[in-house]
Amino acid sequence: MTGSAARVIIGFDGSPAASAAIDVGAKLFPGAQAWIVHLWEPPFASETLRRRLWSGTANVDEYVEAVEREGAREAERVAAVGVTLAAAAGWRAEAMVERGYGGDGVQFAQLAEKLDADVVVVASRGLGGTRAVLGSVSDMVVHYAQRPVLVVPHPLLTAESAAVADGPVVTGWDGSSDAEAALTAARALFGDREIEPVAVEDRGGPHPETAGDTVTVLHHDGMLRRSGRAIAGALTAYARTRHAAVLAVGSRGRSAVEEMLLGSVAMASLHQAHRPVLIVHRAGGSPA
């Protein structure tokens, strides 16, 4: 982050995808202040442990208390593993363990506001193709967090992982306030990298401009302007040829259901880009 270390909040559940997200995040935000957040909901304990607890208790109340106690202990252990990984990667990290209530994505977004985080980092697992992801914790964070959200796909191939270290940041550009918000966030978070605004236009169409940056224009003859998937496809293909570390796109601020029905550039990019994607909401806008 330009001039100071970023304040990062990252979800960690002990999975390989979450561990990889810490590694990627540390390369993109070196020296960051990081909160390693683990949200848990009883019954968190394994089935084997729950059976042991049940056989060793005299009534339901004792059983529930025991499950809570053991679940909280396991949650603390998982978060501590995340802190260890983050510290080894160069972050100033601390654990934050929170009791979940079924709306983990919303709760995570609220924590980002409470901690005044510069960016939220979440891992995604297999968001490619036509697989619907609405309802996953990562997807709900993308929809509800008002802070920039970096979604790290898993797994990354060797070349994709190498690009994270020193690749440029490609930002989708159409001259809108949403695109301006994405470009502003990219400059703030990745100011020491090359930032390249990229517009996707029909040949002969208007050429959107931005102050201070040269816009790369990709021509897509015959493309339907309202096709978010086509625009996202062009942007992700270009990001691949540029060996980009991150693709940054603005959100249109629609509701979660509308996003899935309309197929926005932001959501389509999450499906198509095999590299970290930064989703940025316009300041004061509605959740995407």
Protein backbone atom coordinates (compact mmCIF):
# COMPACT_ATOMS: atom_id res chain seq x y z
CA MET A 1 0.00 0.00 0.00
CA THR A 2 1.36 3.40 -0.94
CA GLY A 3 3.15 5.10 1.96
CA SER A 4 2.06 2.68 4.71
CA ALA A 5 1.31 -0.95 5.38
CA ALA A 6 -2.19 -2.13 4.55
CA ARG A 7 -4.72 -3.17 7.16
CA VAL A 8 -5.94 -6.59 6.07
CA ILE A 9 -8.71 -8.81 7.39
CA ILE A 10 -8.58 -12.37 6.09
CA GLY A 11 -10.85 -15.33 6.66
CA PHE A 12 -9.13 -18.54 7.78
CA ASP A 13 -10.73 -21.93 8.29
CA GLY A 14 -7.63 -24.11 8.20
CA SER A 15 -8.21 -25.29 4.63
CA PRO A 16 -5.49 -25.41 1.94
CA ALA A 17 -7.35 -22.66 0.08
CA ALA A 18 -7.26 -20.38 3.13
CA SER A 19 -3.57 -21.11 3.70
CA ALA A 20 -2.82 -20.28 0.07
CA ALA A 21 -4.80 -17.03 0.40
CA ILE A 22 -2.51 -15.95 3.24
CA ASP A 23 0.53 -16.63 1.06
CA VAL A 24 -0.92 -14.66 -1.87
CA GLY A 25 -2.09 -11.84 0.38
CA ALA A 26 1.35 -11.48 1.95
CA LYS A 27 2.93 -11.09 -1.50
CA LEU A 28 0.40 -8.44 -2.51
CA PHE A 29 0.39 -6.57 0.83
CA PRO A 30 3.87 -7.03 2.33
CA GLY A 31 4.27 -6.09 5.97
CA ALA A 32 0.53 -5.68 6.48
CA GLN A 33 -1.30 -5.50 9.79
CA ALA A 34 -3.50 -8.56 9.47
CA TRP A 35 -6.42 -9.94 11.43
CA ILE A 36 -6.78 -13.68 10.97
CA VAL A 37 -10.52 -14.20 11.43
CA HIS A 38 -12.09 -17.53 12.21
CA LEU A 39 -15.87 -17.69 12.57
CA TRP A 40 -17.33 -20.81 14.12
CA GLU A 41 -20.73 -22.21 14.97
CA PRO A 42 -21.54 -25.08 17.33
CA PRO A 43 -21.59 -27.98 16.97
CA PHE A 44 -18.05 -27.28 15.74
CA ALA A 45 -16.52 -30.38 17.30
CA SER A 46 -16.13 -33.53 15.21
CA GLU A 47 -18.74 -36.27 15.30
CA THR A 48 -16.35 -38.53 17.20
CA LEU A 49 -15.79 -35.88 19.86
CA ARG A 50 -19.51 -35.13 20.14
CA ARG A 51 -20.20 -38.81 20.79
CA ARG A 52 -17.57 -38.86 23.53
CA LEU A 53 -19.02 -35.73 25.10
CA TRP A 54 -22.55 -37.14 24.99
CA SER A 55 -21.54 -40.41 26.64
CA GLY A 56 -19.73 -38.50 29.37
CA THR A 57 -22.53 -36.10 30.33
CA ALA A 58 -25.64 -36.60 32.46
CA ASN A 59 -28.01 -34.23 30.67
CA VAL A 60 -28.47 -32.10 27.56
CA ASP A 61 -27.40 -28.85 29.24
CA GLU A 62 -24.06 -30.33 30.24
CA TYR A 63 -23.62 -31.72 26.74
CA VAL A 64 -24.29 -28.35 25.09
CA GLU A 65 -21.88 -26.64 27.48
CA ALA A 66 -19.19 -29.22 26.71
CA VAL A 67 -19.66 -28.86 22.93
CA GLU A 68 -19.38 -25.07 23.28
CA ARG A 69 -16.21 -25.39 25.34
CA GLU A 70 -14.50 -27.87 23.04
CA GLY A 71 -15.64 -26.05 19.91
CA ALA A 72 -14.24 -22.75 21.15
CA ARG A 73 -10.94 -24.43 21.99
CA GLU A 74 -10.68 -25.93 18.50
CA ALA A 75 -11.57 -22.58 16.91
CA GLU A 76 -8.76 -20.89 18.84
CA ARG A 77 -6.35 -23.57 17.66
CA VAL A 78 -7.33 -23.08 14.00
CA ALA A 79 -6.93 -19.32 14.26
CA ALA A 80 -3.51 -19.74 15.90
CA VAL A 81 -2.37 -21.83 12.93
CA GLY A 82 -3.42 -19.00 10.63
CA VAL A 83 -1.50 -16.45 12.70
CA THR A 84 1.60 -18.64 12.53
CA LEU A 85 1.35 -18.88 8.74
CA ALA A 86 0.74 -15.14 8.42
CA ALA A 87 3.69 -14.23 10.67
CA ALA A 88 5.95 -16.56 8.70
CA ALA A 89 4.85 -14.77 5.52
CA GLY A 90 5.84 -11.39 6.99
CA TRP A 91 2.56 -10.04 8.32
CA ARG A 92 2.01 -8.50 11.76
CA ALA A 93 -0.84 -10.82 12.56
CA GLU A 94 -3.31 -11.39 15.35
CA ALA A 95 -6.15 -13.85 15.75
CA MET A 96 -9.81 -12.92 15.93
CA VAL A 97 -12.19 -15.75 16.82
CA GLU A 98 -15.88 -14.94 16.62
CA ARG A 99 -18.97 -17.04 17.33
CA GLY A 100 -20.97 -17.23 14.10
CA TYR A 101 -24.74 -17.00 13.82
CA GLY A 102 -25.40 -18.41 10.35
CA GLY A 103 -24.70 -15.23 8.40
CA ASP A 104 -20.94 -15.56 8.27
CA GLY A 105 -20.51 -13.47 5.12
CA VAL A 106 -22.47 -10.57 6.59
CA GLN A 107 -20.72 -10.89 9.94
CA PHE A 108 -17.33 -10.89 8.21
CA ALA A 109 -18.25 -7.74 6.30
CA GLN A 110 -19.29 -6.08 9.58
CA LEU A 111 -15.95 -6.98 11.15
CA ALA A 112 -14.14 -5.32 8.25
CA GLU A 113 -15.99 -2.09 9.01
CA LYS A 114 -15.34 -2.39 12.75
CA LEU A 115 -11.61 -2.89 12.21
CA ASP A 116 -11.41 -0.19 9.52
CA ALA A 117 -9.69 -2.63 7.16
CA ASP A 118 -8.23 -1.40 3.87
CA VAL A 119 -8.99 -4.69 2.17
CA VAL A 120 -10.76 -7.97 2.88
CA VAL A 121 -9.11 -11.18 1.65
CA VAL A 122 -11.09 -14.38 1.14
CA ALA A 123 -10.31 -17.67 -0.55
CA SER A 124 -12.52 -19.20 -3.20
CA ARG A 125 -12.66 -22.85 -4.14
CA GLY A 126 -13.56 -23.80 -7.66
CA LEU A 127 -15.65 -20.81 -8.73
CA GLY A 128 -15.06 -21.49 -12.40
CA GLY A 129 -17.51 -22.26 -15.18
CA THR A 130 -21.24 -22.11 -14.56
CA ARG A 131 -21.12 -23.34 -10.99
CA ALA A 132 -23.32 -21.11 -8.83
CA VAL A 133 -21.56 -19.75 -5.75
CA LEU A 134 -24.37 -17.69 -4.18
CA GLY A 135 -24.60 -18.72 -0.56
CA SER A 136 -20.91 -19.46 0.05
CA VAL A 137 -19.21 -17.36 2.73
CA SER A 138 -16.74 -15.86 0.24
CA ASP A 139 -19.51 -14.92 -2.15
CA MET A 140 -21.58 -13.29 0.58
CA VAL A 141 -18.54 -11.27 1.68
CA VAL A 142 -18.18 -10.01 -1.90
CA HIS A 143 -21.83 -8.98 -1.95
CA TYR A 144 -22.03 -7.29 1.44
CA ALA A 145 -18.58 -5.89 2.29
CA GLN A 146 -18.26 -2.19 1.57
CA ARG A 147 -14.47 -2.47 1.75
CA PRO A 148 -12.50 -3.72 -1.28
CA VAL A 149 -12.56 -7.52 -1.34
CA LEU A 150 -9.72 -9.58 -2.80
CA VAL A 151 -10.89 -13.05 -3.82
CA VAL A 152 -8.03 -15.52 -4.17
CA PRO A 153 -8.83 -18.60 -6.30
CA HIS A 154 -7.45 -21.98 -5.39
CA PRO A 155 -5.41 -23.56 -6.73
CA LEU A 156 -3.21 -21.17 -8.72
CA LEU A 157 -0.93 -22.64 -11.36
CA THR A 158 2.82 -21.97 -11.17
CA ALA A 159 2.73 -19.12 -13.69
CA GLU A 160 -0.32 -17.55 -12.01
CA SER A 161 1.34 -17.74 -8.62
CA ALA A 162 4.56 -16.23 -9.98
CA ALA A 163 2.62 -13.28 -11.42
CA VAL A 164 1.41 -12.38 -7.93
CA ALA A 165 4.93 -11.44 -6.87
CA ASP A 166 5.55 -8.59 -9.31
CA GLY A 167 2.85 -8.53 -11.99
CA PRO A 168 0.82 -5.44 -12.91
CA VAL A 169 -2.75 -4.72 -11.82
CA VAL A 170 -5.33 -4.66 -14.62
CA THR A 171 -8.46 -2.63 -13.83
CA GLY A 172 -11.70 -2.73 -15.78
CA TRP A 173 -12.54 0.75 -17.09
CA ASP A 174 -15.69 2.18 -18.69
CA GLY A 175 -15.63 5.73 -17.39
CA SER A 176 -18.28 5.05 -14.73
CA SER A 177 -18.10 5.92 -11.04
CA ASP A 178 -17.83 2.19 -10.31
CA ALA A 179 -14.75 1.91 -12.51
CA GLU A 180 -13.31 5.05 -10.93
CA ALA A 181 -13.76 3.49 -7.48
CA ALA A 182 -11.90 0.36 -8.62
CA LEU A 183 -9.06 2.39 -10.11
CA THR A 184 -8.77 4.54 -6.98
CA ALA A 185 -8.65 1.45 -4.75
CA ALA A 186 -6.04 -0.19 -6.99
CA ARG A 187 -3.83 2.90 -6.80
CA ALA A 188 -4.15 3.02 -3.01
CA LEU A 189 -3.51 -0.68 -2.44
CA PHE A 190 -0.99 -1.40 -5.21
CA GLY A 191 0.60 2.00 -5.84
CA ASP A 192 4.07 0.50 -6.22
CA ARG A 193 2.92 -1.66 -9.15
CA GLU A 194 1.96 -0.80 -12.69
CA ILE A 195 -1.77 0.00 -12.81
CA GLU A 196 -3.36 -0.47 -16.23
CA PRO A 197 -6.97 0.59 -16.89
CA VAL A 198 -8.50 -1.55 -19.65
CA ALA A 199 -11.70 -0.78 -21.55
CA VAL A 200 -13.64 -3.27 -23.68
CA GLU A 201 -15.47 -1.52 -26.52
CA ASP A 202 -17.02 -2.21 -29.90
CA ARG A 203 -14.73 -1.13 -32.71
CA GLY A 204 -15.45 2.49 -33.54
CA GLY A 205 -17.24 3.07 -30.23
CA PRO A 206 -16.50 5.83 -27.71
CA HIS A 207 -13.09 5.86 -26.07
CA PRO A 208 -13.41 6.32 -22.28
CA GLU A 209 -10.62 8.36 -20.73
CA THR A 210 -9.27 8.68 -17.21
CA ALA A 211 -7.06 11.32 -15.66
CA GLY A 212 -3.45 10.29 -15.14
CA ASP A 213 -3.52 6.91 -16.89
CA THR A 214 -3.45 5.68 -20.45
CA VAL A 215 -6.42 3.45 -21.12
CA THR A 216 -5.83 0.23 -23.03
CA VAL A 217 -8.80 -0.39 -25.32
CA LEU A 218 -9.75 -3.93 -26.32
CA HIS A 219 -11.97 -4.09 -29.40
CA HIS A 220 -14.65 -6.72 -29.41
CA ASP A 221 -16.56 -6.60 -32.68
CA GLY A 222 -20.22 -7.47 -32.36
CA MET A 223 -20.16 -7.84 -28.58
CA LEU A 224 -23.42 -7.11 -26.83
CA ARG A 225 -22.70 -4.14 -24.58
CA ARG A 226 -24.85 -5.48 -21.76
CA SER A 227 -23.08 -8.83 -21.68
CA GLY A 228 -21.09 -8.85 -18.46
CA ARG A 229 -19.74 -12.30 -19.24
CA ALA A 230 -18.30 -11.18 -22.58
CA ILE A 231 -16.64 -8.12 -21.04
CA ALA A 232 -15.26 -10.19 -18.16
CA GLY A 233 -13.96 -12.76 -20.64
CA ALA A 234 -12.06 -10.08 -22.55
CA LEU A 235 -10.64 -8.58 -19.36
CA THR A 236 -9.54 -11.91 -17.88
CA ALA A 237 -7.95 -13.01 -21.17
CA TYR A 238 -6.01 -9.75 -21.32
CA ALA A 239 -4.96 -10.07 -17.67
CA ARG A 240 -3.61 -13.52 -18.50
CA THR A 241 -1.51 -12.24 -21.42
CA ARG A 242 -0.16 -9.43 -19.22
CA HIS A 243 0.70 -11.89 -16.42
CA ALA A 244 -1.29 -9.63 -14.12
CA ALA A 245 -1.07 -10.08 -10.37
CA VAL A 246 -4.64 -8.85 -9.86
CA LEU A 247 -7.73 -8.01 -11.90
CA ALA A 248 -9.67 -5.13 -10.27
CA VAL A 249 -13.28 -4.42 -11.19
CA GLY A 250 -16.02 -2.18 -9.83
CA SER A 251 -19.38 -3.46 -8.68
CA ARG A 252 -22.64 -2.10 -10.04
CA GLY A 253 -24.25 -2.22 -6.63
CA ARG A 254 -27.20 -4.48 -7.45
CA SER A 255 -28.75 -6.92 -5.05
CA ALA A 256 -27.30 -10.40 -4.69
CA VAL A 257 -30.15 -12.03 -6.61
CA GLU A 258 -29.99 -9.48 -9.44
CA GLU A 259 -26.23 -10.01 -9.75
CA MET A 260 -26.73 -13.72 -10.32
CA LEU A 261 -29.53 -13.16 -12.83
CA LEU A 262 -27.85 -10.37 -14.76
CA GLY A 263 -24.32 -11.73 -14.72
CA SER A 264 -22.37 -8.53 -13.95
CA VAL A 265 -18.76 -8.01 -14.98
CA ALA A 266 -17.73 -8.34 -11.33
CA MET A 267 -19.43 -11.69 -10.79
CA ALA A 268 -18.43 -13.03 -14.19
CA SER A 269 -14.81 -12.08 -13.48
CA LEU A 270 -14.87 -14.16 -10.29
CA HIS A 271 -15.97 -17.14 -12.37
CA GLN A 272 -13.51 -16.66 -15.21
CA ALA A 273 -10.30 -15.15 -13.84
CA HIS A 274 -7.72 -17.66 -12.65
CA ARG A 275 -5.95 -15.01 -10.59
CA PRO A 276 -6.84 -12.79 -7.62
CA VAL A 277 -9.80 -10.49 -8.33
CA LEU A 278 -10.36 -7.25 -6.42
CA ILE A 279 -14.05 -6.30 -6.17
CA VAL A 280 -14.64 -2.65 -5.27
CA HIS A 281 -17.94 -1.08 -4.29
CA ARG A 282 -18.56 2.56 -5.04
CA ALA A 283 -18.36 4.63 -1.84
CA GLY A 284 -21.81 4.92 -0.35
CA GLY A 285 -23.32 2.45 -2.80
CA SER A 286 -25.54 -0.52 -2.04
CA PRO A 287 -24.06 -3.96 -1.48
CA ALA A 288 -23.52 -5.89 -4.69
